[in-house]
Amino acid sequence: MTLAAWNVRSLYRPGAVARLKDDLNRYGIAITAFQEIRWSRSEIFGSGDFIVCYSGNKERRQLEQDS
């Protein structure tokens, strides 16, 4: 089983998830931690052979910085 961490910089663009799933299959990655996906809300959903769990800001597509 291959584990990975990946800074994707954004999955907000159309087709980004499909492209990412192709890359995960190509590299044989089973579990991945993604940073900077920039999705709002929190959700768990299935997408083909993948289960996606994410947690983001409820109102904005970025992480709030502490002052």
N, C-alpha and C. Protein backbone atom coordinates (compact mmCIF):
# COMPACT_ATOMS: atom_id res chain seq x y z
N MET A 1 0.85 -1.17 0.00
CA MET A 1 0.00 0.00 0.00
C MET A 1 0.90 1.24 0.00
N THR A 2 0.60 2.19 -0.86
CA THR A 2 1.38 3.42 -0.96
C THR A 2 0.62 4.58 -0.33
N LEU A 3 1.29 5.30 0.56
CA LEU A 3 0.74 6.49 1.20
C LEU A 3 1.45 7.72 0.65
N ALA A 4 0.74 8.84 0.59
CA ALA A 4 1.35 10.06 0.05
C ALA A 4 0.75 11.30 0.69
N ALA A 5 1.50 12.39 0.64
CA ALA A 5 1.00 13.73 0.98
C ALA A 5 1.23 14.58 -0.26
N TRP A 6 0.23 15.41 -0.60
CA TRP A 6 0.30 16.12 -1.87
C TRP A 6 -0.28 17.51 -1.70
N ASN A 7 0.49 18.52 -2.07
CA ASN A 7 0.01 19.90 -2.07
C ASN A 7 -0.54 20.20 -3.46
N VAL A 8 -1.86 20.12 -3.60
CA VAL A 8 -2.47 20.25 -4.93
C VAL A 8 -2.76 21.70 -5.32
N ARG A 9 -2.66 22.63 -4.38
CA ARG A 9 -2.86 24.06 -4.58
C ARG A 9 -4.28 24.47 -4.89
N SER A 10 -5.09 23.62 -5.46
CA SER A 10 -6.52 23.90 -5.64
C SER A 10 -7.18 22.75 -6.40
N LEU A 11 -8.35 22.36 -5.95
CA LEU A 11 -9.17 21.40 -6.69
C LEU A 11 -10.47 22.08 -7.08
N TYR A 12 -10.43 23.38 -7.18
CA TYR A 12 -11.64 24.14 -7.46
C TYR A 12 -11.93 24.24 -8.96
N ARG A 13 -10.92 24.01 -9.78
CA ARG A 13 -11.10 24.12 -11.24
C ARG A 13 -11.89 22.93 -11.78
N PRO A 14 -12.71 23.14 -12.81
CA PRO A 14 -13.45 22.02 -13.41
C PRO A 14 -12.49 20.95 -13.93
N GLY A 15 -12.79 19.70 -13.66
CA GLY A 15 -11.97 18.58 -14.13
C GLY A 15 -10.78 18.26 -13.25
N ALA A 16 -10.54 19.05 -12.21
CA ALA A 16 -9.36 18.85 -11.37
C ALA A 16 -9.42 17.52 -10.63
N VAL A 17 -10.58 17.13 -10.13
CA VAL A 17 -10.71 15.87 -9.38
C VAL A 17 -10.48 14.68 -10.32
N ALA A 18 -11.04 14.72 -11.50
CA ALA A 18 -10.85 13.62 -12.46
C ALA A 18 -9.38 13.47 -12.81
N ARG A 19 -8.69 14.57 -13.03
CA ARG A 19 -7.27 14.55 -13.34
C ARG A 19 -6.47 13.99 -12.16
N LEU A 20 -6.86 14.38 -10.96
CA LEU A 20 -6.18 13.91 -9.76
C LEU A 20 -6.37 12.40 -9.58
N LYS A 21 -7.59 11.91 -9.81
CA LYS A 21 -7.85 10.47 -9.70
C LYS A 21 -7.01 9.69 -10.70
N ASP A 22 -6.84 10.21 -11.90
CA ASP A 22 -5.97 9.56 -12.89
C ASP A 22 -4.53 9.47 -12.37
N ASP A 23 -4.04 10.54 -11.75
CA ASP A 23 -2.68 10.54 -11.20
C ASP A 23 -2.54 9.55 -10.06
N LEU A 24 -3.53 9.48 -9.17
CA LEU A 24 -3.48 8.53 -8.06
C LEU A 24 -3.42 7.09 -8.58
N ASN A 25 -4.22 6.79 -9.58
CA ASN A 25 -4.19 5.45 -10.18
C ASN A 25 -2.85 5.16 -10.85
N ARG A 26 -2.32 6.13 -11.57
CA ARG A 26 -1.05 5.95 -12.28
C ARG A 26 0.10 5.66 -11.31
N TYR A 27 0.13 6.35 -10.17
CA TYR A 27 1.20 6.17 -9.20
C TYR A 27 0.89 5.07 -8.18
N GLY A 28 -0.29 4.47 -8.22
CA GLY A 28 -0.65 3.40 -7.32
C GLY A 28 -0.79 3.84 -5.87
N ILE A 29 -1.29 5.05 -5.66
CA ILE A 29 -1.43 5.61 -4.32
C ILE A 29 -2.77 5.19 -3.74
N ALA A 30 -2.73 4.60 -2.54
CA ALA A 30 -3.95 4.10 -1.90
C ALA A 30 -4.56 5.11 -0.95
N ILE A 31 -3.74 5.80 -0.17
CA ILE A 31 -4.21 6.79 0.80
C ILE A 31 -3.39 8.06 0.62
N THR A 32 -4.08 9.19 0.52
CA THR A 32 -3.39 10.46 0.28
C THR A 32 -3.94 11.55 1.17
N ALA A 33 -3.06 12.37 1.70
CA ALA A 33 -3.44 13.58 2.43
C ALA A 33 -3.17 14.76 1.49
N PHE A 34 -4.22 15.49 1.15
CA PHE A 34 -4.08 16.64 0.25
C PHE A 34 -4.12 17.92 1.06
N GLN A 35 -3.30 18.87 0.67
CA GLN A 35 -3.32 20.19 1.27
C GLN A 35 -3.75 21.20 0.22
N GLU A 36 -4.36 22.27 0.67
CA GLU A 36 -4.76 23.41 -0.16
C GLU A 36 -5.73 23.05 -1.27
N ILE A 37 -6.74 22.22 -0.95
CA ILE A 37 -7.72 21.90 -1.99
C ILE A 37 -8.69 23.06 -2.21
N ARG A 38 -8.85 23.90 -1.21
CA ARG A 38 -9.67 25.12 -1.29
C ARG A 38 -11.14 24.88 -1.56
N TRP A 39 -11.68 23.87 -0.90
CA TRP A 39 -13.11 23.62 -0.95
C TRP A 39 -13.73 24.14 0.33
N SER A 40 -14.92 24.71 0.22
CA SER A 40 -15.62 25.15 1.42
C SER A 40 -16.43 23.99 1.98
N ARG A 41 -16.88 24.13 3.23
CA ARG A 41 -17.68 23.13 3.94
C ARG A 41 -16.84 21.92 4.33
N SER A 42 -17.51 20.87 4.81
CA SER A 42 -16.90 19.59 5.14
C SER A 42 -17.82 18.50 4.63
N GLU A 43 -17.25 17.44 4.11
CA GLU A 43 -18.09 16.42 3.49
C GLU A 43 -17.30 15.12 3.33
N ILE A 44 -18.02 14.01 3.22
CA ILE A 44 -17.47 12.71 2.84
C ILE A 44 -18.32 12.23 1.67
N PHE A 45 -17.68 11.87 0.55
CA PHE A 45 -18.44 11.38 -0.60
C PHE A 45 -17.60 10.38 -1.39
N GLY A 46 -18.29 9.56 -2.17
CA GLY A 46 -17.62 8.60 -3.04
C GLY A 46 -17.46 9.18 -4.43
N SER A 47 -16.35 8.84 -5.06
CA SER A 47 -16.10 9.27 -6.44
C SER A 47 -15.38 8.11 -7.15
N GLY A 48 -16.15 7.29 -7.85
CA GLY A 48 -15.56 6.11 -8.48
C GLY A 48 -15.06 5.15 -7.42
N ASP A 49 -13.78 4.77 -7.51
CA ASP A 49 -13.18 3.86 -6.55
C ASP A 49 -12.63 4.58 -5.32
N PHE A 50 -12.86 5.87 -5.20
CA PHE A 50 -12.26 6.67 -4.14
C PHE A 50 -13.31 7.15 -3.15
N ILE A 51 -12.89 7.30 -1.90
CA ILE A 51 -13.70 7.97 -0.88
C ILE A 51 -12.96 9.24 -0.51
N VAL A 52 -13.65 10.36 -0.57
CA VAL A 52 -13.06 11.67 -0.30
C VAL A 52 -13.64 12.20 1.01
N CYS A 53 -12.76 12.53 1.95
CA CYS A 53 -13.14 13.16 3.22
C CYS A 53 -12.40 14.49 3.27
N TYR A 54 -13.13 15.58 3.46
CA TYR A 54 -12.45 16.87 3.53
C TYR A 54 -13.13 17.78 4.52
N SER A 55 -12.38 18.74 4.99
CA SER A 55 -12.89 19.75 5.90
C SER A 55 -12.29 21.09 5.51
N GLY A 56 -13.15 22.03 5.23
CA GLY A 56 -12.69 23.35 4.82
C GLY A 56 -13.42 24.43 5.57
N ASN A 57 -13.12 25.65 5.23
CA ASN A 57 -13.76 26.80 5.81
C ASN A 57 -15.23 26.81 5.36
N LYS A 58 -16.13 27.14 6.25
CA LYS A 58 -17.55 27.10 5.92
C LYS A 58 -17.97 28.18 4.92
N GLU A 59 -17.25 29.29 4.87
CA GLU A 59 -17.69 30.41 4.05
C GLU A 59 -16.72 30.80 2.94
N ARG A 60 -15.45 30.50 3.11
CA ARG A 60 -14.44 30.91 2.13
C ARG A 60 -13.62 29.72 1.69
N ARG A 61 -13.04 29.79 0.51
CA ARG A 61 -12.23 28.70 -0.01
C ARG A 61 -10.76 28.86 0.38
N GLN A 62 -10.53 29.23 1.64
CA GLN A 62 -9.16 29.30 2.12
C GLN A 62 -9.15 29.16 3.63
N LEU A 63 -8.01 28.79 4.17
CA LEU A 63 -7.86 28.64 5.60
C LEU A 63 -7.68 30.00 6.24
N GLU A 64 -8.38 30.23 7.33
CA GLU A 64 -8.22 31.50 8.04
C GLU A 64 -6.94 31.48 8.85
N GLN A 65 -6.21 32.56 8.83
CA GLN A 65 -4.96 32.69 9.57
C GLN A 65 -5.24 33.33 10.92
N ASP A 66 -4.60 32.80 11.97
CA ASP A 66 -4.69 33.43 13.28
C ASP A 66 -3.83 34.68 13.29
N SER A 67 -4.32 35.74 13.92
CA SER A 67 -3.54 36.97 13.99
C SER A 67 -2.60 36.97 15.16
